[in-house]
Amino acid sequence: MKFSCGWLAEYVDLQEKAPVKGKQEATAPAEELARQLTSVGLSVEGIEVVDGDTVLDVEITSNRPDCMNHLGLAREIAVKRGTTLRPPAFSFTESLSVGRPRTSVKIEDGEGCPRFNLRIIRGVQVGPSPAWLVRRLEAIGSRSINNVVDATNYCLWESGQPMHAYDLARLPGGELVVRRARAGEKLTTLDGKERALDPEVLVIADRARAIGLAGIMG
């Protein structure tokens, strides 16, 4: 997996202070960071510079899903170096609307998905993402699509939490269903490919059809 050092630096100091008394200059380049990560079982397979950002290609083993995101890897760096982790701060304002459409979730496969949360966000205008967001996603190999899709992908690569945005006006009854794919069911995903779905695959659906591969792609 690819990790942006510019992104990681928002959550943890990537430069160590020199151990010499009175010296405050940073002494740990990307190579030293790569060595430290490799020493704790997170092997760095390569280092490259993408549009001015240093990008690490890190092999994340299946037993470390907590490190499959920038915040998780930053936490590991903070532990290794004995420094402070700076989780992202956020806030939002909720409003209770009367008479407006509501949403609901029906989970038919509790083993595959024990929990699914929804939140309605109004006043969103779909358009291009700001340049900084496009650069950050493309540095790690994620294609920019639009501001809404990019925002969900940013959260995924930041925190490891899969999410997807839906157009409430196009959800019959405002209902989402979490279930296994039906025999013969097909889905055209965000990459433009039509996929034949295996009945073992977990999907997110509206009342009529599948509209996303759960935790994989919309």
N, C-alpha and C. Protein backbone atom coordinates (compact mmCIF):
# COMPACT_ATOMS: atom_id res chain seq x y z
N MET A 1 0.84 -1.19 0.00
CA MET A 1 0.00 0.00 0.00
C MET A 1 0.88 1.24 0.00
N LYS A 2 0.36 2.31 -0.62
CA LYS A 2 1.12 3.54 -0.70
C LYS A 2 0.64 4.55 0.35
N PHE A 3 1.61 5.21 0.97
CA PHE A 3 1.33 6.18 2.02
C PHE A 3 2.08 7.48 1.72
N SER A 4 1.36 8.60 1.80
CA SER A 4 1.95 9.91 1.58
C SER A 4 2.59 10.42 2.86
N CYS A 5 3.87 10.78 2.79
CA CYS A 5 4.54 11.33 3.97
C CYS A 5 3.95 12.69 4.34
N GLY A 6 3.52 13.46 3.35
CA GLY A 6 2.87 14.73 3.65
C GLY A 6 1.59 14.55 4.42
N TRP A 7 0.88 13.50 4.10
CA TRP A 7 -0.38 13.17 4.79
C TRP A 7 -0.07 12.66 6.19
N LEU A 8 0.87 11.73 6.30
CA LEU A 8 1.25 11.18 7.61
C LEU A 8 1.71 12.28 8.56
N ALA A 9 2.38 13.29 8.03
CA ALA A 9 2.94 14.36 8.86
C ALA A 9 1.86 15.18 9.55
N GLU A 10 0.61 15.08 9.10
CA GLU A 10 -0.46 15.78 9.79
C GLU A 10 -0.78 15.15 11.14
N TYR A 11 -0.44 13.87 11.30
CA TYR A 11 -0.81 13.14 12.51
C TYR A 11 0.37 12.82 13.43
N VAL A 12 1.58 12.87 12.90
CA VAL A 12 2.75 12.52 13.71
C VAL A 12 3.96 13.23 13.12
N ASP A 13 4.90 13.61 14.00
CA ASP A 13 6.14 14.21 13.52
C ASP A 13 6.99 13.14 12.83
N LEU A 14 7.35 13.38 11.59
CA LEU A 14 8.16 12.42 10.85
C LEU A 14 9.65 12.69 10.98
N GLN A 15 10.00 13.83 11.54
CA GLN A 15 11.40 14.17 11.70
C GLN A 15 11.77 14.12 13.19
N GLU A 16 12.81 13.37 13.48
CA GLU A 16 13.27 13.23 14.85
C GLU A 16 14.30 14.32 15.17
N LYS A 17 14.29 14.76 16.41
CA LYS A 17 15.30 15.73 16.84
C LYS A 17 16.63 15.04 17.09
N ALA A 18 17.68 15.73 16.75
CA ALA A 18 19.02 15.17 16.95
C ALA A 18 19.27 14.95 18.44
N PRO A 19 19.93 13.85 18.81
CA PRO A 19 20.19 13.56 20.22
C PRO A 19 21.24 14.46 20.85
N VAL A 20 21.94 15.27 20.04
CA VAL A 20 23.00 16.13 20.58
C VAL A 20 22.38 17.30 21.33
N LYS A 21 22.89 17.58 22.52
CA LYS A 21 22.35 18.65 23.35
C LYS A 21 22.39 19.98 22.62
N GLY A 22 21.27 20.69 22.65
CA GLY A 22 21.21 22.00 22.02
C GLY A 22 20.84 21.96 20.56
N LYS A 23 20.82 20.78 19.94
CA LYS A 23 20.46 20.66 18.54
C LYS A 23 18.96 20.39 18.43
N GLN A 24 18.27 21.09 17.52
CA GLN A 24 16.85 20.90 17.32
C GLN A 24 16.52 20.52 15.87
N GLU A 25 17.55 20.37 15.03
CA GLU A 25 17.30 20.06 13.64
C GLU A 25 16.77 18.63 13.49
N ALA A 26 15.94 18.44 12.47
CA ALA A 26 15.43 17.11 12.18
C ALA A 26 16.54 16.25 11.57
N THR A 27 16.57 14.97 11.95
CA THR A 27 17.65 14.11 11.47
C THR A 27 17.17 12.83 10.81
N ALA A 28 15.84 12.62 10.69
CA ALA A 28 15.35 11.36 10.16
C ALA A 28 14.75 11.54 8.77
N PRO A 29 15.46 11.18 7.70
CA PRO A 29 14.92 11.26 6.35
C PRO A 29 13.95 10.10 6.10
N ALA A 30 13.40 10.06 4.89
CA ALA A 30 12.45 9.00 4.55
C ALA A 30 13.08 7.62 4.69
N GLU A 31 14.37 7.51 4.37
CA GLU A 31 15.04 6.22 4.48
C GLU A 31 15.07 5.71 5.92
N GLU A 32 15.27 6.63 6.87
CA GLU A 32 15.28 6.23 8.28
C GLU A 32 13.89 5.82 8.73
N LEU A 33 12.87 6.55 8.28
CA LEU A 33 11.49 6.18 8.59
C LEU A 33 11.18 4.80 8.02
N ALA A 34 11.63 4.53 6.80
CA ALA A 34 11.41 3.23 6.18
C ALA A 34 12.10 2.13 7.00
N ARG A 35 13.30 2.41 7.47
CA ARG A 35 14.02 1.41 8.28
C ARG A 35 13.28 1.11 9.57
N GLN A 36 12.76 2.14 10.21
CA GLN A 36 12.05 1.95 11.46
C GLN A 36 10.76 1.16 11.26
N LEU A 37 10.03 1.47 10.20
CA LEU A 37 8.79 0.72 9.92
C LEU A 37 9.09 -0.74 9.62
N THR A 38 10.13 -0.97 8.83
CA THR A 38 10.51 -2.35 8.49
C THR A 38 10.90 -3.12 9.74
N SER A 39 11.52 -2.45 10.70
CA SER A 39 11.98 -3.11 11.92
C SER A 39 10.82 -3.59 12.79
N VAL A 40 9.63 -3.03 12.60
CA VAL A 40 8.47 -3.47 13.39
C VAL A 40 7.51 -4.32 12.56
N GLY A 41 8.00 -4.85 11.43
CA GLY A 41 7.20 -5.77 10.63
C GLY A 41 6.37 -5.15 9.54
N LEU A 42 6.55 -3.83 9.31
CA LEU A 42 5.84 -3.13 8.24
C LEU A 42 6.85 -2.80 7.16
N SER A 43 7.15 -3.78 6.33
CA SER A 43 8.23 -3.68 5.37
C SER A 43 7.96 -2.62 4.31
N VAL A 44 8.89 -1.70 4.17
CA VAL A 44 8.79 -0.66 3.13
C VAL A 44 9.48 -1.17 1.88
N GLU A 45 8.70 -1.38 0.83
CA GLU A 45 9.21 -1.98 -0.40
C GLU A 45 9.78 -0.94 -1.36
N GLY A 46 9.43 0.34 -1.16
CA GLY A 46 9.94 1.35 -2.07
C GLY A 46 9.63 2.75 -1.60
N ILE A 47 10.42 3.70 -2.09
CA ILE A 47 10.22 5.12 -1.78
C ILE A 47 10.27 5.88 -3.10
N GLU A 48 9.30 6.73 -3.34
CA GLU A 48 9.30 7.54 -4.55
C GLU A 48 8.77 8.94 -4.25
N VAL A 49 9.09 9.87 -5.11
CA VAL A 49 8.60 11.23 -4.98
C VAL A 49 7.54 11.46 -6.05
N VAL A 50 6.33 11.83 -5.62
CA VAL A 50 5.22 12.07 -6.53
C VAL A 50 4.74 13.50 -6.35
N ASP A 51 4.93 14.33 -7.36
CA ASP A 51 4.49 15.72 -7.33
C ASP A 51 4.96 16.44 -6.06
N GLY A 52 6.22 16.20 -5.70
CA GLY A 52 6.81 16.86 -4.53
C GLY A 52 6.56 16.19 -3.20
N ASP A 53 5.79 15.11 -3.21
CA ASP A 53 5.48 14.40 -1.97
C ASP A 53 6.22 13.07 -1.94
N THR A 54 6.82 12.73 -0.80
CA THR A 54 7.49 11.44 -0.66
C THR A 54 6.45 10.37 -0.33
N VAL A 55 6.44 9.30 -1.11
CA VAL A 55 5.44 8.24 -0.95
C VAL A 55 6.14 6.93 -0.60
N LEU A 56 5.68 6.28 0.46
CA LEU A 56 6.22 5.00 0.89
C LEU A 56 5.31 3.87 0.41
N ASP A 57 5.90 2.83 -0.15
CA ASP A 57 5.16 1.63 -0.54
C ASP A 57 5.38 0.60 0.57
N VAL A 58 4.36 0.41 1.40
CA VAL A 58 4.50 -0.42 2.61
C VAL A 58 3.71 -1.71 2.45
N GLU A 59 4.34 -2.83 2.76
CA GLU A 59 3.66 -4.12 2.74
C GLU A 59 2.93 -4.30 4.07
N ILE A 60 1.61 -4.25 4.02
CA ILE A 60 0.79 -4.44 5.22
C ILE A 60 0.27 -5.86 5.23
N THR A 61 0.67 -6.64 6.21
CA THR A 61 0.24 -8.03 6.28
C THR A 61 -1.20 -8.13 6.76
N SER A 62 -1.82 -9.29 6.51
CA SER A 62 -3.25 -9.46 6.78
C SER A 62 -3.60 -9.36 8.26
N ASN A 63 -2.62 -9.51 9.15
CA ASN A 63 -2.90 -9.41 10.58
C ASN A 63 -2.79 -7.98 11.10
N ARG A 64 -2.51 -7.01 10.21
CA ARG A 64 -2.39 -5.61 10.63
C ARG A 64 -3.33 -4.69 9.83
N PRO A 65 -4.62 -5.00 9.81
CA PRO A 65 -5.55 -4.10 9.10
C PRO A 65 -5.63 -2.72 9.74
N ASP A 66 -5.19 -2.61 11.02
CA ASP A 66 -5.20 -1.31 11.68
C ASP A 66 -4.21 -0.34 11.04
N CYS A 67 -3.26 -0.87 10.28
CA CYS A 67 -2.26 -0.01 9.63
C CYS A 67 -2.58 0.22 8.15
N MET A 68 -3.75 -0.18 7.70
CA MET A 68 -4.11 0.00 6.30
C MET A 68 -4.73 1.37 6.05
N ASN A 69 -4.22 2.37 6.72
CA ASN A 69 -4.69 3.74 6.56
C ASN A 69 -3.64 4.67 7.17
N HIS A 70 -3.70 5.94 6.81
CA HIS A 70 -2.66 6.87 7.25
C HIS A 70 -2.65 7.09 8.76
N LEU A 71 -3.81 7.18 9.36
CA LEU A 71 -3.86 7.39 10.81
C LEU A 71 -3.31 6.18 11.55
N GLY A 72 -3.62 4.98 11.06
CA GLY A 72 -3.12 3.76 11.69
C GLY A 72 -1.61 3.65 11.59
N LEU A 73 -1.06 3.99 10.41
CA LEU A 73 0.39 3.92 10.25
C LEU A 73 1.07 5.01 11.07
N ALA A 74 0.44 6.18 11.15
CA ALA A 74 0.99 7.26 11.97
C ALA A 74 1.02 6.84 13.44
N ARG A 75 0.01 6.11 13.88
CA ARG A 75 -0.01 5.63 15.27
C ARG A 75 1.18 4.70 15.53
N GLU A 76 1.48 3.84 14.55
CA GLU A 76 2.61 2.93 14.69
C GLU A 76 3.93 3.70 14.75
N ILE A 77 4.03 4.74 13.94
CA ILE A 77 5.24 5.56 13.94
C ILE A 77 5.40 6.27 15.29
N ALA A 78 4.27 6.78 15.83
CA ALA A 78 4.32 7.47 17.11
C ALA A 78 4.76 6.52 18.22
N VAL A 79 4.28 5.29 18.20
CA VAL A 79 4.68 4.31 19.21
C VAL A 79 6.17 3.98 19.07
N LYS A 80 6.62 3.77 17.85
CA LYS A 80 8.02 3.41 17.61
C LYS A 80 8.95 4.52 18.07
N ARG A 81 8.55 5.77 17.84
CA ARG A 81 9.43 6.89 18.16
C ARG A 81 9.16 7.51 19.53
N GLY A 82 8.11 7.05 20.18
CA GLY A 82 7.78 7.62 21.49
C GLY A 82 7.30 9.05 21.39
N THR A 83 6.60 9.38 20.32
CA THR A 83 6.10 10.73 20.12
C THR A 83 4.58 10.76 20.21
N THR A 84 4.01 11.94 20.03
CA THR A 84 2.58 12.12 20.21
C THR A 84 1.82 11.96 18.90
N LEU A 85 0.72 11.21 18.94
CA LEU A 85 -0.17 11.08 17.80
C LEU A 85 -1.16 12.24 17.83
N ARG A 86 -1.43 12.83 16.66
CA ARG A 86 -2.38 13.94 16.56
C ARG A 86 -3.57 13.51 15.72
N PRO A 87 -4.58 12.88 16.32
CA PRO A 87 -5.76 12.47 15.54
C PRO A 87 -6.46 13.70 14.96
N PRO A 88 -7.12 13.55 13.82
CA PRO A 88 -7.81 14.70 13.22
C PRO A 88 -8.97 15.15 14.09
N ALA A 89 -9.14 16.46 14.21
CA ALA A 89 -10.26 17.02 14.97
C ALA A 89 -11.35 17.44 14.00
N PHE A 90 -12.60 17.25 14.37
CA PHE A 90 -13.69 17.64 13.50
C PHE A 90 -14.92 17.98 14.33
N SER A 91 -15.84 18.69 13.73
CA SER A 91 -17.11 19.01 14.38
C SER A 91 -18.15 19.23 13.30
N PHE A 92 -19.40 19.08 13.65
CA PHE A 92 -20.49 19.32 12.71
C PHE A 92 -21.74 19.68 13.49
N THR A 93 -22.69 20.27 12.80
CA THR A 93 -23.94 20.69 13.42
C THR A 93 -25.09 19.87 12.85
N GLU A 94 -25.85 19.25 13.73
CA GLU A 94 -27.01 18.48 13.31
C GLU A 94 -28.26 19.34 13.36
N SER A 95 -29.20 19.03 12.47
CA SER A 95 -30.50 19.71 12.50
C SER A 95 -31.59 18.66 12.36
N LEU A 96 -32.67 18.84 13.09
CA LEU A 96 -33.81 17.94 13.01
C LEU A 96 -34.83 18.55 12.07
N SER A 97 -35.03 17.92 10.93
CA SER A 97 -35.95 18.44 9.93
C SER A 97 -37.30 17.73 10.04
N VAL A 98 -38.36 18.50 9.99
CA VAL A 98 -39.72 17.95 10.06
C VAL A 98 -40.30 17.91 8.65
N GLY A 99 -40.87 16.77 8.28
CA GLY A 99 -41.52 16.65 7.00
C GLY A 99 -40.60 16.34 5.83
N ARG A 100 -39.32 16.18 6.08
CA ARG A 100 -38.40 15.86 5.01
C ARG A 100 -38.19 14.35 4.93
N PRO A 101 -37.76 13.85 3.77
CA PRO A 101 -37.56 12.40 3.62
C PRO A 101 -36.53 11.88 4.62
N ARG A 102 -36.79 10.69 5.12
CA ARG A 102 -35.88 10.03 6.04
C ARG A 102 -35.26 8.84 5.34
N THR A 103 -34.28 8.23 5.96
CA THR A 103 -33.66 7.04 5.42
C THR A 103 -33.76 5.91 6.43
N SER A 104 -33.58 4.70 5.92
CA SER A 104 -33.57 3.53 6.80
C SER A 104 -32.64 2.48 6.20
N VAL A 105 -32.17 1.60 7.05
CA VAL A 105 -31.29 0.52 6.63
C VAL A 105 -31.90 -0.81 7.07
N LYS A 106 -31.91 -1.76 6.16
CA LYS A 106 -32.36 -3.11 6.48
C LYS A 106 -31.17 -4.04 6.30
N ILE A 107 -30.71 -4.65 7.38
CA ILE A 107 -29.57 -5.57 7.32
C ILE A 107 -30.10 -7.00 7.28
N GLU A 108 -29.94 -7.65 6.14
CA GLU A 108 -30.40 -9.03 5.97
C GLU A 108 -29.30 -10.03 6.28
N ASP A 109 -28.06 -9.58 6.32
CA ASP A 109 -26.93 -10.46 6.62
C ASP A 109 -26.14 -9.87 7.77
N GLY A 110 -26.55 -10.21 8.98
CA GLY A 110 -25.91 -9.66 10.18
C GLY A 110 -24.50 -10.16 10.40
N GLU A 111 -24.17 -11.32 9.82
CA GLU A 111 -22.82 -11.84 9.98
C GLU A 111 -21.85 -11.07 9.08
N GLY A 112 -22.28 -10.78 7.86
CA GLY A 112 -21.43 -10.05 6.95
C GLY A 112 -21.34 -8.57 7.28
N CYS A 113 -22.40 -8.03 7.89
CA CYS A 113 -22.44 -6.60 8.24
C CYS A 113 -23.28 -6.41 9.49
N PRO A 114 -22.66 -6.43 10.65
CA PRO A 114 -23.42 -6.27 11.89
C PRO A 114 -23.93 -4.85 12.13
N ARG A 115 -23.34 -3.88 11.43
CA ARG A 115 -23.74 -2.49 11.68
C ARG A 115 -23.54 -1.65 10.42
N PHE A 116 -24.49 -0.76 10.15
CA PHE A 116 -24.40 0.13 8.99
C PHE A 116 -25.02 1.46 9.39
N ASN A 117 -24.24 2.53 9.31
CA ASN A 117 -24.72 3.86 9.72
C ASN A 117 -24.99 4.74 8.52
N LEU A 118 -26.00 5.59 8.64
CA LEU A 118 -26.33 6.56 7.61
C LEU A 118 -26.40 7.96 8.21
N ARG A 119 -26.09 8.95 7.38
CA ARG A 119 -26.30 10.34 7.76
C ARG A 119 -26.67 11.12 6.52
N ILE A 120 -27.69 11.97 6.63
CA ILE A 120 -28.11 12.80 5.51
C ILE A 120 -27.34 14.12 5.55
N ILE A 121 -26.74 14.48 4.43
CA ILE A 121 -26.04 15.76 4.29
C ILE A 121 -26.72 16.52 3.15
N ARG A 122 -27.21 17.70 3.45
CA ARG A 122 -27.94 18.48 2.44
C ARG A 122 -27.09 19.66 1.94
N GLY A 123 -27.51 20.21 0.82
CA GLY A 123 -26.82 21.37 0.27
C GLY A 123 -25.51 21.04 -0.40
N VAL A 124 -25.34 19.79 -0.84
CA VAL A 124 -24.10 19.38 -1.48
C VAL A 124 -24.19 19.60 -2.99
N GLN A 125 -23.19 20.19 -3.56
CA GLN A 125 -23.12 20.38 -5.01
C GLN A 125 -21.95 19.58 -5.55
N VAL A 126 -22.25 18.66 -6.45
CA VAL A 126 -21.20 17.80 -7.01
C VAL A 126 -20.36 18.59 -7.99
N GLY A 127 -19.04 18.45 -7.86
CA GLY A 127 -18.12 19.17 -8.74
C GLY A 127 -16.71 18.64 -8.56
N PRO A 128 -15.73 19.30 -9.15
CA PRO A 128 -14.34 18.85 -9.00
C PRO A 128 -13.82 19.09 -7.59
N SER A 129 -12.89 18.26 -7.17
CA SER A 129 -12.26 18.41 -5.86
C SER A 129 -11.21 19.51 -5.91
N PRO A 130 -10.88 20.10 -4.77
CA PRO A 130 -9.78 21.08 -4.74
C PRO A 130 -8.46 20.40 -5.09
N ALA A 131 -7.53 21.19 -5.60
CA ALA A 131 -6.27 20.64 -6.10
C ALA A 131 -5.51 19.85 -5.04
N TRP A 132 -5.51 20.33 -3.77
CA TRP A 132 -4.75 19.64 -2.73
C TRP A 132 -5.28 18.23 -2.49
N LEU A 133 -6.61 18.08 -2.60
CA LEU A 133 -7.21 16.76 -2.37
C LEU A 133 -6.90 15.83 -3.54
N VAL A 134 -6.97 16.35 -4.75
CA VAL A 134 -6.63 15.55 -5.92
C VAL A 134 -5.18 15.06 -5.83
N ARG A 135 -4.26 15.97 -5.48
CA ARG A 135 -2.84 15.59 -5.37
C ARG A 135 -2.63 14.53 -4.32
N ARG A 136 -3.30 14.67 -3.20
CA ARG A 136 -3.10 13.73 -2.10
C ARG A 136 -3.59 12.33 -2.46
N LEU A 137 -4.75 12.26 -3.09
CA LEU A 137 -5.28 10.96 -3.49
C LEU A 137 -4.45 10.34 -4.61
N GLU A 138 -4.10 11.15 -5.60
CA GLU A 138 -3.37 10.61 -6.74
C GLU A 138 -1.95 10.20 -6.36
N ALA A 139 -1.39 10.80 -5.33
CA ALA A 139 -0.05 10.41 -4.87
C ALA A 139 -0.01 8.97 -4.40
N ILE A 140 -1.14 8.49 -3.86
CA ILE A 140 -1.19 7.11 -3.38
C ILE A 140 -1.90 6.18 -4.36
N GLY A 141 -2.15 6.68 -5.59
CA GLY A 141 -2.71 5.84 -6.64
C GLY A 141 -4.21 5.76 -6.67
N SER A 142 -4.91 6.67 -6.00
CA SER A 142 -6.38 6.69 -6.00
C SER A 142 -6.86 7.76 -6.99
N ARG A 143 -7.67 7.37 -7.95
CA ARG A 143 -8.13 8.28 -9.00
C ARG A 143 -9.17 9.25 -8.47
N SER A 144 -8.99 10.52 -8.77
CA SER A 144 -9.98 11.53 -8.40
C SER A 144 -11.20 11.41 -9.32
N ILE A 145 -12.41 11.46 -8.73
CA ILE A 145 -13.64 11.35 -9.51
C ILE A 145 -14.45 12.64 -9.42
N ASN A 146 -14.86 13.00 -8.22
CA ASN A 146 -15.50 14.30 -7.96
C ASN A 146 -15.41 14.56 -6.47
N ASN A 147 -15.85 15.73 -6.04
CA ASN A 147 -15.66 16.11 -4.64
C ASN A 147 -16.36 15.17 -3.66
N VAL A 148 -17.52 14.63 -4.04
CA VAL A 148 -18.26 13.75 -3.13
C VAL A 148 -17.56 12.40 -2.99
N VAL A 149 -17.25 11.78 -4.13
CA VAL A 149 -16.56 10.49 -4.09
C VAL A 149 -15.18 10.63 -3.46
N ASP A 150 -14.48 11.69 -3.81
CA ASP A 150 -13.13 11.90 -3.27
C ASP A 150 -13.16 12.08 -1.75
N ALA A 151 -14.20 12.73 -1.24
CA ALA A 151 -14.31 12.93 0.21
C ALA A 151 -14.43 11.59 0.93
N THR A 152 -15.23 10.67 0.36
CA THR A 152 -15.38 9.36 0.99
C THR A 152 -14.09 8.56 0.89
N ASN A 153 -13.39 8.66 -0.25
CA ASN A 153 -12.12 7.96 -0.38
C ASN A 153 -11.06 8.54 0.55
N TYR A 154 -11.09 9.85 0.74
CA TYR A 154 -10.15 10.48 1.65
C TYR A 154 -10.33 9.92 3.07
N CYS A 155 -11.59 9.83 3.50
CA CYS A 155 -11.86 9.27 4.83
C CYS A 155 -11.41 7.82 4.93
N LEU A 156 -11.58 7.06 3.85
CA LEU A 156 -11.14 5.66 3.85
C LEU A 156 -9.63 5.57 4.05
N TRP A 157 -8.86 6.32 3.24
CA TRP A 157 -7.41 6.23 3.33
C TRP A 157 -6.86 6.95 4.55
N GLU A 158 -7.67 7.80 5.17
CA GLU A 158 -7.26 8.44 6.42
C GLU A 158 -7.47 7.52 7.61
N SER A 159 -8.68 6.95 7.73
CA SER A 159 -9.05 6.23 8.95
C SER A 159 -9.28 4.74 8.77
N GLY A 160 -9.35 4.26 7.51
CA GLY A 160 -9.60 2.85 7.28
C GLY A 160 -11.07 2.48 7.29
N GLN A 161 -11.96 3.45 7.38
CA GLN A 161 -13.39 3.18 7.43
C GLN A 161 -14.01 3.30 6.04
N PRO A 162 -14.45 2.18 5.44
CA PRO A 162 -15.11 2.28 4.13
C PRO A 162 -16.41 3.07 4.24
N MET A 163 -16.68 3.89 3.25
CA MET A 163 -17.94 4.62 3.21
C MET A 163 -18.29 4.94 1.77
N HIS A 164 -19.54 5.29 1.55
CA HIS A 164 -19.99 5.61 0.21
C HIS A 164 -21.07 6.67 0.30
N ALA A 165 -21.16 7.50 -0.72
CA ALA A 165 -22.19 8.54 -0.77
C ALA A 165 -23.30 8.11 -1.73
N TYR A 166 -24.53 8.32 -1.33
CA TYR A 166 -25.69 7.97 -2.15
C TYR A 166 -26.54 9.22 -2.37
N ASP A 167 -27.20 9.26 -3.52
CA ASP A 167 -28.13 10.34 -3.83
C ASP A 167 -29.49 9.95 -3.26
N LEU A 168 -29.94 10.64 -2.23
CA LEU A 168 -31.19 10.30 -1.56
C LEU A 168 -32.37 10.34 -2.53
N ALA A 169 -32.32 11.25 -3.49
CA ALA A 169 -33.42 11.37 -4.45
C ALA A 169 -33.54 10.15 -5.35
N ARG A 170 -32.49 9.34 -5.42
CA ARG A 170 -32.49 8.17 -6.31
C ARG A 170 -32.61 6.87 -5.54
N LEU A 171 -32.89 6.95 -4.23
CA LEU A 171 -33.11 5.76 -3.42
C LEU A 171 -34.62 5.57 -3.21
N PRO A 172 -35.23 4.57 -3.82
CA PRO A 172 -36.66 4.36 -3.62
C PRO A 172 -37.01 4.20 -2.15
N GLY A 173 -37.85 5.09 -1.65
CA GLY A 173 -38.25 5.02 -0.25
C GLY A 173 -37.15 5.40 0.71
N GLY A 174 -35.99 5.84 0.19
CA GLY A 174 -34.87 6.20 1.06
C GLY A 174 -34.30 5.03 1.83
N GLU A 175 -34.50 3.81 1.31
CA GLU A 175 -34.07 2.62 2.04
C GLU A 175 -32.85 1.97 1.40
N LEU A 176 -31.90 1.56 2.23
CA LEU A 176 -30.77 0.75 1.81
C LEU A 176 -30.88 -0.63 2.44
N VAL A 177 -30.49 -1.66 1.66
CA VAL A 177 -30.57 -3.04 2.13
C VAL A 177 -29.17 -3.65 2.04
N VAL A 178 -28.73 -4.28 3.10
CA VAL A 178 -27.44 -4.98 3.11
C VAL A 178 -27.73 -6.47 3.02
N ARG A 179 -27.31 -7.09 1.93
CA ARG A 179 -27.65 -8.50 1.68
C ARG A 179 -26.58 -9.14 0.80
N ARG A 180 -26.73 -10.45 0.59
CA ARG A 180 -25.88 -11.15 -0.36
C ARG A 180 -26.44 -10.95 -1.77
N ALA A 181 -25.55 -10.99 -2.76
CA ALA A 181 -25.97 -10.83 -4.14
C ALA A 181 -26.89 -11.98 -4.54
N ARG A 182 -27.81 -11.69 -5.43
CA ARG A 182 -28.72 -12.70 -5.94
C ARG A 182 -28.14 -13.38 -7.16
N ALA A 183 -28.57 -14.61 -7.42
CA ALA A 183 -28.08 -15.36 -8.58
C ALA A 183 -28.36 -14.58 -9.86
N GLY A 184 -27.33 -14.40 -10.69
CA GLY A 184 -27.48 -13.71 -11.95
C GLY A 184 -27.45 -12.19 -11.86
N GLU A 185 -27.28 -11.65 -10.66
CA GLU A 185 -27.29 -10.20 -10.49
C GLU A 185 -26.00 -9.59 -11.03
N LYS A 186 -26.12 -8.41 -11.65
CA LYS A 186 -24.97 -7.71 -12.19
C LYS A 186 -24.92 -6.29 -11.65
N LEU A 187 -23.72 -5.71 -11.69
CA LEU A 187 -23.54 -4.35 -11.17
C LEU A 187 -22.45 -3.66 -11.98
N THR A 188 -22.74 -2.44 -12.45
CA THR A 188 -21.73 -1.62 -13.10
C THR A 188 -21.12 -0.72 -12.04
N THR A 189 -19.84 -0.91 -11.77
CA THR A 189 -19.17 -0.21 -10.67
C THR A 189 -18.60 1.13 -11.14
N LEU A 190 -18.05 1.89 -10.20
CA LEU A 190 -17.55 3.23 -10.48
C LEU A 190 -16.47 3.27 -11.55
N ASP A 191 -15.78 2.15 -11.75
CA ASP A 191 -14.73 2.12 -12.76
C ASP A 191 -15.28 1.84 -14.15
N GLY A 192 -16.63 1.78 -14.27
CA GLY A 192 -17.27 1.58 -15.57
C GLY A 192 -17.38 0.14 -16.02
N LYS A 193 -16.98 -0.81 -15.19
CA LYS A 193 -17.02 -2.22 -15.56
C LYS A 193 -18.29 -2.90 -15.04
N GLU A 194 -18.91 -3.70 -15.91
CA GLU A 194 -20.07 -4.49 -15.48
C GLU A 194 -19.57 -5.80 -14.89
N ARG A 195 -20.03 -6.10 -13.70
CA ARG A 195 -19.53 -7.27 -12.99
C ARG A 195 -20.68 -8.23 -12.68
N ALA A 196 -20.45 -9.51 -12.96
CA ALA A 196 -21.39 -10.55 -12.57
C ALA A 196 -21.10 -10.88 -11.11
N LEU A 197 -22.12 -10.82 -10.27
CA LEU A 197 -21.93 -10.96 -8.83
C LEU A 197 -22.14 -12.40 -8.36
N ASP A 198 -21.21 -12.83 -7.54
CA ASP A 198 -21.31 -14.14 -6.91
C ASP A 198 -22.26 -14.05 -5.73
N PRO A 199 -23.13 -15.04 -5.53
CA PRO A 199 -24.08 -15.00 -4.40
C PRO A 199 -23.43 -14.91 -3.03
N GLU A 200 -22.11 -15.15 -2.96
CA GLU A 200 -21.41 -15.04 -1.69
C GLU A 200 -20.96 -13.60 -1.40
N VAL A 201 -21.08 -12.73 -2.41
CA VAL A 201 -20.62 -11.35 -2.27
C VAL A 201 -21.67 -10.53 -1.53
N LEU A 202 -21.21 -9.72 -0.55
CA LEU A 202 -22.11 -8.84 0.18
C LEU A 202 -22.29 -7.55 -0.62
N VAL A 203 -23.55 -7.13 -0.76
CA VAL A 203 -23.83 -5.91 -1.54
C VAL A 203 -24.68 -4.95 -0.72
N ILE A 204 -24.61 -3.69 -1.13
CA ILE A 204 -25.53 -2.68 -0.66
C ILE A 204 -26.55 -2.49 -1.78
N ALA A 205 -27.82 -2.52 -1.47
CA ALA A 205 -28.85 -2.45 -2.50
C ALA A 205 -29.94 -1.47 -2.11
N ASP A 206 -30.69 -1.00 -3.13
CA ASP A 206 -31.93 -0.30 -2.81
C ASP A 206 -33.03 -1.36 -2.81
N ARG A 207 -34.25 -0.97 -2.94
CA ARG A 207 -35.34 -1.96 -2.87
C ARG A 207 -35.40 -2.88 -4.08
N ALA A 208 -34.72 -2.48 -5.17
CA ALA A 208 -34.84 -3.25 -6.40
C ALA A 208 -33.55 -3.94 -6.84
N ARG A 209 -32.39 -3.31 -6.60
CA ARG A 209 -31.16 -3.83 -7.19
C ARG A 209 -29.94 -3.47 -6.35
N ALA A 210 -28.85 -4.17 -6.63
CA ALA A 210 -27.58 -3.86 -5.97
C ALA A 210 -27.04 -2.55 -6.49
N ILE A 211 -26.50 -1.73 -5.60
CA ILE A 211 -25.93 -0.44 -6.01
C ILE A 211 -24.48 -0.27 -5.52
N GLY A 212 -23.93 -1.32 -4.90
CA GLY A 212 -22.55 -1.23 -4.46
C GLY A 212 -22.05 -2.55 -3.90
N LEU A 213 -20.75 -2.80 -4.03
CA LEU A 213 -20.11 -3.95 -3.39
C LEU A 213 -19.69 -3.51 -1.99
N ALA A 214 -20.25 -4.13 -1.00
CA ALA A 214 -20.07 -3.68 0.38
C ALA A 214 -18.61 -3.59 0.76
N GLY A 215 -18.18 -2.38 1.14
CA GLY A 215 -16.81 -2.17 1.59
C GLY A 215 -15.76 -2.23 0.51
N ILE A 216 -16.19 -2.32 -0.78
CA ILE A 216 -15.23 -2.45 -1.87
C ILE A 216 -15.38 -1.33 -2.89
N MET A 217 -16.54 -1.25 -3.53
CA MET A 217 -16.72 -0.23 -4.56
C MET A 217 -18.20 0.03 -4.80
N GLY A 218 -18.52 1.28 -5.06
CA GLY A 218 -19.89 1.65 -5.37
C GLY A 218 -20.20 1.41 -6.83
